[in-house]
Amino acid sequence: MAHIAHPTARTSGFSLSRMIRTAVEGIRLSYARQRAYSTTFNQLDALSDHELSDIGLGRSDIIDIARAAARAV
């Protein structure tokens, strides 16, 4: 008995639509992280040194906090 291979069967696991979906999700995540970084940085940077001190932060902490906010997305 002969075995007939179906041209629609995918055995290699390759899926162009999955690759595109993964790429689009990566781009969306990148934009969301950039937005979170920018928003956090801008809001903290707008505070005065006195206001930052009141919440226990220094100006040098702003970048680290913005990066942490971006990673949390």
PDB file of N, CA and C in Angstrom:
ATOM      1  N   MET A   1       0.847  -1.159   0.000  1.00  0.00           N
ATOM      2  CA  MET A   1       0.000   0.000   0.000  1.00  0.00           C
ATOM      3  C   MET A   1       0.904   1.236   0.000  1.00  0.00           C
ATOM      4  N   ALA A   2       0.629   2.151  -0.880  1.00  0.00           N
ATOM      5  CA  ALA A   2       1.432   3.362  -1.021  1.00  0.00           C
ATOM      6  C   ALA A   2       0.909   4.441  -0.091  1.00  0.00           C
ATOM      7  N   HIS A   3       1.828   5.213   0.420  1.00  0.00           N
ATOM      8  CA  HIS A   3       1.472   6.335   1.286  1.00  0.00           C
ATOM      9  C   HIS A   3       1.446   7.603   0.446  1.00  0.00           C
ATOM     10  N   ILE A   4       0.382   8.352   0.566  1.00  0.00           N
ATOM     11  CA  ILE A   4       0.249   9.578  -0.207  1.00  0.00           C
ATOM     12  C   ILE A   4       0.470  10.763   0.725  1.00  0.00           C
ATOM     13  N   ALA A   5       1.412  11.604   0.387  1.00  0.00           N
ATOM     14  CA  ALA A   5       1.674  12.800   1.188  1.00  0.00           C
ATOM     15  C   ALA A   5       0.715  13.901   0.774  1.00  0.00           C
ATOM     16  N   HIS A   6       0.112  14.525   1.735  1.00  0.00           N
ATOM     17  CA  HIS A   6      -0.799  15.628   1.463  1.00  0.00           C
ATOM     18  C   HIS A   6      -0.013  16.929   1.446  1.00  0.00           C
ATOM     19  N   PRO A   7      -0.148  17.705   0.399  1.00  0.00           N
ATOM     20  CA  PRO A   7       0.621  18.948   0.300  1.00  0.00           C
ATOM     21  C   PRO A   7       0.231  19.981   1.353  1.00  0.00           C
ATOM     22  N   THR A   8      -0.920  19.828   1.978  1.00  0.00           N
ATOM     23  CA  THR A   8      -1.334  20.804   2.991  1.00  0.00           C
ATOM     24  C   THR A   8      -0.829  20.442   4.374  1.00  0.00           C
ATOM     25  N   ALA A   9      -0.334  19.237   4.552  1.00  0.00           N
ATOM     26  CA  ALA A   9       0.155  18.823   5.857  1.00  0.00           C
ATOM     27  C   ALA A   9       1.511  19.461   6.125  1.00  0.00           C
ATOM     28  N   ARG A  10       1.630  20.012   7.303  1.00  0.00           N
ATOM     29  CA  ARG A  10       2.900  20.646   7.683  1.00  0.00           C
ATOM     30  C   ARG A  10       3.540  19.812   8.795  1.00  0.00           C
ATOM     31  N   THR A  11       4.673  19.255   8.484  1.00  0.00           N
ATOM     32  CA  THR A  11       5.353  18.434   9.475  1.00  0.00           C
ATOM     33  C   THR A  11       6.581  19.125  10.039  1.00  0.00           C
ATOM     34  N   SER A  12       7.060  20.169   9.378  1.00  0.00           N
ATOM     35  CA  SER A  12       8.292  20.826   9.820  1.00  0.00           C
ATOM     36  C   SER A  12       8.054  21.833  10.927  1.00  0.00           C
ATOM     37  N   GLY A  13       6.804  22.216  11.172  1.00  0.00           N
ATOM     38  CA  GLY A  13       6.523  23.195  12.202  1.00  0.00           C
ATOM     39  C   GLY A  13       6.662  24.627  11.709  1.00  0.00           C
ATOM     40  N   PHE A  14       7.018  24.805  10.472  1.00  0.00           N
ATOM     41  CA  PHE A  14       7.173  26.133   9.892  1.00  0.00           C
ATOM     42  C   PHE A  14       5.809  26.720   9.614  1.00  0.00           C
ATOM     43  N   SER A  15       5.596  27.916  10.090  1.00  0.00           N
ATOM     44  CA  SER A  15       4.325  28.588   9.849  1.00  0.00           C
ATOM     45  C   SER A  15       4.600  30.069   9.632  1.00  0.00           C
ATOM     46  N   LEU A  16       4.399  30.504   8.419  1.00  0.00           N
ATOM     47  CA  LEU A  16       4.644  31.898   8.094  1.00  0.00           C
ATOM     48  C   LEU A  16       3.741  32.812   8.908  1.00  0.00           C
ATOM     49  N   SER A  17       2.497  32.421   9.074  1.00  0.00           N
ATOM     50  CA  SER A  17       1.571  33.267   9.836  1.00  0.00           C
ATOM     51  C   SER A  17       2.010  33.372  11.298  1.00  0.00           C
ATOM     52  N   ARG A  18       2.546  32.299  11.867  1.00  0.00           N
ATOM     53  CA  ARG A  18       3.038  32.335  13.241  1.00  0.00           C
ATOM     54  C   ARG A  18       4.251  33.256  13.345  1.00  0.00           C
ATOM     55  N   MET A  19       5.125  33.205  12.351  1.00  0.00           N
ATOM     56  CA  MET A  19       6.306  34.065  12.359  1.00  0.00           C
ATOM     57  C   MET A  19       5.907  35.541  12.260  1.00  0.00           C
ATOM     58  N   ILE A  20       4.937  35.838  11.422  1.00  0.00           N
ATOM     59  CA  ILE A  20       4.470  37.216  11.278  1.00  0.00           C
ATOM     60  C   ILE A  20       3.805  37.684  12.561  1.00  0.00           C
ATOM     61  N   ARG A  21       2.969  36.824  13.138  1.00  0.00           N
ATOM     62  CA  ARG A  21       2.289  37.161  14.389  1.00  0.00           C
ATOM     63  C   ARG A  21       3.307  37.425  15.501  1.00  0.00           C
ATOM     64  N   THR A  22       4.335  36.615  15.587  1.00  0.00           N
ATOM     65  CA  THR A  22       5.366  36.796  16.591  1.00  0.00           C
ATOM     66  C   THR A  22       6.117  38.107  16.379  1.00  0.00           C
ATOM     67  N   ALA A  23       6.407  38.430  15.130  1.00  0.00           N
ATOM     68  CA  ALA A  23       7.097  39.684  14.822  1.00  0.00           C
ATOM     69  C   ALA A  23       6.237  40.884  15.186  1.00  0.00           C
ATOM     70  N   VAL A  24       4.951  40.825  14.860  1.00  0.00           N
ATOM     71  CA  VAL A  24       4.045  41.930  15.180  1.00  0.00           C
ATOM     72  C   VAL A  24       3.911  42.083  16.695  1.00  0.00           C
ATOM     73  N   GLU A  25       3.799  40.984  17.411  1.00  0.00           N
ATOM     74  CA  GLU A  25       3.719  41.051  18.876  1.00  0.00           C
ATOM     75  C   GLU A  25       4.987  41.649  19.457  1.00  0.00           C
ATOM     76  N   GLY A  26       6.134  41.316  18.894  1.00  0.00           N
ATOM     77  CA  GLY A  26       7.397  41.887  19.345  1.00  0.00           C
ATOM     78  C   GLY A  26       7.456  43.385  19.123  1.00  0.00           C
ATOM     79  N   ILE A  27       6.953  43.822  17.982  1.00  0.00           N
ATOM     80  CA  ILE A  27       6.932  45.262  17.689  1.00  0.00           C
ATOM     81  C   ILE A  27       5.987  45.980  18.642  1.00  0.00           C
ATOM     82  N   ARG A  28       4.816  45.387  18.872  1.00  0.00           N
ATOM     83  CA  ARG A  28       3.859  46.004  19.812  1.00  0.00           C
ATOM     84  C   ARG A  28       4.449  46.093  21.216  1.00  0.00           C
ATOM     85  N   LEU A  29       5.112  45.043  21.644  1.00  0.00           N
ATOM     86  CA  LEU A  29       5.739  45.049  22.967  1.00  0.00           C
ATOM     87  C   LEU A  29       6.821  46.118  23.045  1.00  0.00           C
ATOM     88  N   SER A  30       7.592  46.245  21.990  1.00  0.00           N
ATOM     89  CA  SER A  30       8.646  47.256  21.960  1.00  0.00           C
ATOM     90  C   SER A  30       8.062  48.656  22.083  1.00  0.00           C
ATOM     91  N   TYR A  31       6.993  48.931  21.341  1.00  0.00           N
ATOM     92  CA  TYR A  31       6.347  50.245  21.430  1.00  0.00           C
ATOM     93  C   TYR A  31       5.747  50.472  22.811  1.00  0.00           C
ATOM     94  N   ALA A  32       5.137  49.461  23.391  1.00  0.00           N
ATOM     95  CA  ALA A  32       4.543  49.595  24.727  1.00  0.00           C
ATOM     96  C   ALA A  32       5.618  49.875  25.764  1.00  0.00           C
ATOM     97  N   ARG A  33       6.751  49.199  25.651  1.00  0.00           N
ATOM     98  CA  ARG A  33       7.857  49.445  26.587  1.00  0.00           C
ATOM     99  C   ARG A  33       8.424  50.853  26.416  1.00  0.00           C
ATOM    100  N   GLN A  34       8.556  51.291  25.176  1.00  0.00           N
ATOM    101  CA  GLN A  34       9.069  52.642  24.933  1.00  0.00           C
ATOM    102  C   GLN A  34       8.113  53.682  25.493  1.00  0.00           C
ATOM    103  N   ARG A  35       6.809  53.443  25.315  1.00  0.00           N
ATOM    104  CA  ARG A  35       5.803  54.360  25.845  1.00  0.00           C
ATOM    105  C   ARG A  35       5.862  54.408  27.372  1.00  0.00           C
ATOM    106  N   ALA A  36       6.000  53.244  28.018  1.00  0.00           N
ATOM    107  CA  ALA A  36       6.082  53.196  29.478  1.00  0.00           C
ATOM    108  C   ALA A  36       7.334  53.917  29.965  1.00  0.00           C
ATOM    109  N   TYR A  37       8.458  53.704  29.276  1.00  0.00           N
ATOM    110  CA  TYR A  37       9.708  54.375  29.647  1.00  0.00           C
ATOM    111  C   TYR A  37       9.551  55.887  29.519  1.00  0.00           C
ATOM    112  N   SER A  38       9.051  56.342  28.375  1.00  0.00           N
ATOM    113  CA  SER A  38       8.927  57.778  28.125  1.00  0.00           C
ATOM    114  C   SER A  38       7.970  58.449  29.099  1.00  0.00           C
ATOM    115  N   THR A  39       6.832  57.810  29.331  1.00  0.00           N
ATOM    116  CA  THR A  39       5.841  58.383  30.249  1.00  0.00           C
ATOM    117  C   THR A  39       6.414  58.507  31.652  1.00  0.00           C
ATOM    118  N   THR A  40       7.020  57.441  32.140  1.00  0.00           N
ATOM    119  CA  THR A  40       7.586  57.448  33.485  1.00  0.00           C
ATOM    120  C   THR A  40       8.704  58.474  33.596  1.00  0.00           C
ATOM    121  N   PHE A  41       9.598  58.473  32.623  1.00  0.00           N
ATOM    122  CA  PHE A  41      10.713  59.414  32.645  1.00  0.00           C
ATOM    123  C   PHE A  41      10.207  60.853  32.641  1.00  0.00           C
ATOM    124  N   ASN A  42       9.288  61.176  31.743  1.00  0.00           N
ATOM    125  CA  ASN A  42       8.791  62.542  31.625  1.00  0.00           C
ATOM    126  C   ASN A  42       8.059  63.002  32.878  1.00  0.00           C
ATOM    127  N   GLN A  43       7.270  62.104  33.472  1.00  0.00           N
ATOM    128  CA  GLN A  43       6.542  62.484  34.683  1.00  0.00           C
ATOM    129  C   GLN A  43       7.499  62.742  35.843  1.00  0.00           C
ATOM    130  N   LEU A  44       8.486  61.883  36.011  1.00  0.00           N
ATOM    131  CA  LEU A  44       9.436  62.085  37.105  1.00  0.00           C
ATOM    132  C   LEU A  44      10.349  63.276  36.840  1.00  0.00           C
ATOM    133  N   ASP A  45      10.728  63.454  35.595  1.00  0.00           N
ATOM    134  CA  ASP A  45      11.617  64.565  35.255  1.00  0.00           C
ATOM    135  C   ASP A  45      10.930  65.916  35.442  1.00  0.00           C
ATOM    136  N   ALA A  46       9.604  65.930  35.350  1.00  0.00           N
ATOM    137  CA  ALA A  46       8.856  67.173  35.529  1.00  0.00           C
ATOM    138  C   ALA A  46       8.792  67.608  36.991  1.00  0.00           C
ATOM    139  N   LEU A  47       9.076  66.689  37.902  1.00  0.00           N
ATOM    140  CA  LEU A  47       9.042  67.035  39.323  1.00  0.00           C
ATOM    141  C   LEU A  47      10.273  67.847  39.704  1.00  0.00           C
ATOM    142  N   SER A  48      10.104  68.691  40.701  1.00  0.00           N
ATOM    143  CA  SER A  48      11.243  69.467  41.208  1.00  0.00           C
ATOM    144  C   SER A  48      12.122  68.561  42.069  1.00  0.00           C
ATOM    145  N   ASP A  49      13.325  69.016  42.350  1.00  0.00           N
ATOM    146  CA  ASP A  49      14.215  68.243  43.209  1.00  0.00           C
ATOM    147  C   ASP A  49      13.598  68.045  44.591  1.00  0.00           C
ATOM    148  N   HIS A  50      12.894  69.046  45.079  1.00  0.00           N
ATOM    149  CA  HIS A  50      12.242  68.947  46.385  1.00  0.00           C
ATOM    150  C   HIS A  50      11.141  67.871  46.362  1.00  0.00           C
ATOM    151  N   GLU A  51      10.342  67.850  45.290  1.00  0.00           N
ATOM    152  CA  GLU A  51       9.281  66.846  45.173  1.00  0.00           C
ATOM    153  C   GLU A  51       9.869  65.441  45.055  1.00  0.00           C
ATOM    154  N   LEU A  52      10.949  65.301  44.301  1.00  0.00           N
ATOM    155  CA  LEU A  52      11.616  64.002  44.203  1.00  0.00           C
ATOM    156  C   LEU A  52      12.142  63.562  45.564  1.00  0.00           C
ATOM    157  N   SER A  53      12.720  64.501  46.279  1.00  0.00           N
ATOM    158  CA  SER A  53      13.249  64.198  47.613  1.00  0.00           C
ATOM    159  C   SER A  53      12.130  63.751  48.552  1.00  0.00           C
ATOM    160  N   ASP A  54      10.959  64.375  48.420  1.00  0.00           N
ATOM    161  CA  ASP A  54       9.818  64.009  49.268  1.00  0.00           C
ATOM    162  C   ASP A  54       9.390  62.550  49.067  1.00  0.00           C
ATOM    163  N   ILE A  55       9.572  62.031  47.869  1.00  0.00           N
ATOM    164  CA  ILE A  55       9.195  60.630  47.631  1.00  0.00           C
ATOM    165  C   ILE A  55      10.411  59.698  47.684  1.00  0.00           C
ATOM    166  N   GLY A  56      11.519  60.225  48.150  1.00  0.00           N
ATOM    167  CA  GLY A  56      12.703  59.400  48.381  1.00  0.00           C
ATOM    168  C   GLY A  56      13.534  59.115  47.145  1.00  0.00           C
ATOM    169  N   LEU A  57      13.459  59.994  46.167  1.00  0.00           N
ATOM    170  CA  LEU A  57      14.210  59.793  44.934  1.00  0.00           C
ATOM    171  C   LEU A  57      15.145  60.966  44.669  1.00  0.00           C
ATOM    172  N   GLY A  58      16.148  60.673  43.885  1.00  0.00           N
ATOM    173  CA  GLY A  58      17.039  61.716  43.395  1.00  0.00           C
ATOM    174  C   GLY A  58      16.934  61.746  41.882  1.00  0.00           C
ATOM    175  N   ARG A  59      17.426  62.796  41.292  1.00  0.00           N
ATOM    176  CA  ARG A  59      17.376  62.927  39.843  1.00  0.00           C
ATOM    177  C   ARG A  59      18.087  61.767  39.146  1.00  0.00           C
ATOM    178  N   SER A  60      19.124  61.251  39.776  1.00  0.00           N
ATOM    179  CA  SER A  60      19.880  60.146  39.172  1.00  0.00           C
ATOM    180  C   SER A  60      19.102  58.825  39.175  1.00  0.00           C
ATOM    181  N   ASP A  61      18.028  58.754  39.927  1.00  0.00           N
ATOM    182  CA  ASP A  61      17.217  57.537  39.992  1.00  0.00           C
ATOM    183  C   ASP A  61      16.193  57.437  38.857  1.00  0.00           C
ATOM    184  N   ILE A  62      15.941  58.531  38.175  1.00  0.00           N
ATOM    185  CA  ILE A  62      14.857  58.586  37.193  1.00  0.00           C
ATOM    186  C   ILE A  62      15.051  57.568  36.072  1.00  0.00           C
ATOM    187  N   ILE A  63      16.248  57.479  35.520  1.00  0.00           N
ATOM    188  CA  ILE A  63      16.489  56.555  34.408  1.00  0.00           C
ATOM    189  C   ILE A  63      16.260  55.107  34.849  1.00  0.00           C
ATOM    190  N   ASP A  64      16.767  54.746  36.014  1.00  0.00           N
ATOM    191  CA  ASP A  64      16.605  53.370  36.493  1.00  0.00           C
ATOM    192  C   ASP A  64      15.128  53.020  36.719  1.00  0.00           C
ATOM    193  N   ILE A  65      14.378  53.969  37.257  1.00  0.00           N
ATOM    194  CA  ILE A  65      12.958  53.724  37.516  1.00  0.00           C
ATOM    195  C   ILE A  65      12.200  53.615  36.195  1.00  0.00           C
ATOM    196  N   ALA A  66      12.542  54.457  35.222  1.00  0.00           N
ATOM    197  CA  ALA A  66      11.890  54.391  33.917  1.00  0.00           C
ATOM    198  C   ALA A  66      12.207  53.064  33.219  1.00  0.00           C
ATOM    199  N   ARG A  67      13.431  52.606  33.338  1.00  0.00           N
ATOM    200  CA  ARG A  67      13.801  51.319  32.749  1.00  0.00           C
ATOM    201  C   ARG A  67      13.033  50.169  33.400  1.00  0.00           C
ATOM    202  N   ALA A  68      12.889  50.238  34.731  1.00  0.00           N
ATOM    203  CA  ALA A  68      12.137  49.202  35.447  1.00  0.00           C
ATOM    204  C   ALA A  68      10.672  49.210  35.016  1.00  0.00           C
ATOM    205  N   ALA A  69      10.117  50.394  34.795  1.00  0.00           N
ATOM    206  CA  ALA A  69       8.722  50.495  34.334  1.00  0.00           C
ATOM    207  C   ALA A  69       8.573  49.875  32.950  1.00  0.00           C
ATOM    208  N   ALA A  70       9.558  50.082  32.101  1.00  0.00           N
ATOM    209  CA  ALA A  70       9.509  49.511  30.752  1.00  0.00           C
ATOM    210  C   ALA A  70       9.626  47.986  30.794  1.00  0.00           C
ATOM    211  N   ARG A  71      10.478  47.467  31.669  1.00  0.00           N
ATOM    212  CA  ARG A  71      10.623  46.010  31.782  1.00  0.00           C
ATOM    213  C   ARG A  71       9.374  45.356  32.342  1.00  0.00           C
ATOM    214  N   ALA A  72       8.612  46.096  33.136  1.00  0.00           N
ATOM    215  CA  ALA A  72       7.412  45.552  33.784  1.00  0.00           C
ATOM    216  C   ALA A  72       6.235  45.389  32.816  1.00  0.00           C
ATOM    217  N   VAL A  73       6.362  45.950  31.629  1.00  0.00           N
ATOM    218  CA  VAL A  73       5.261  45.866  30.640  1.00  0.00           C
ATOM    219  C   VAL A  73       5.173  44.456  30.107  1.00  0.00           C
TER     220      VAL A  73
END
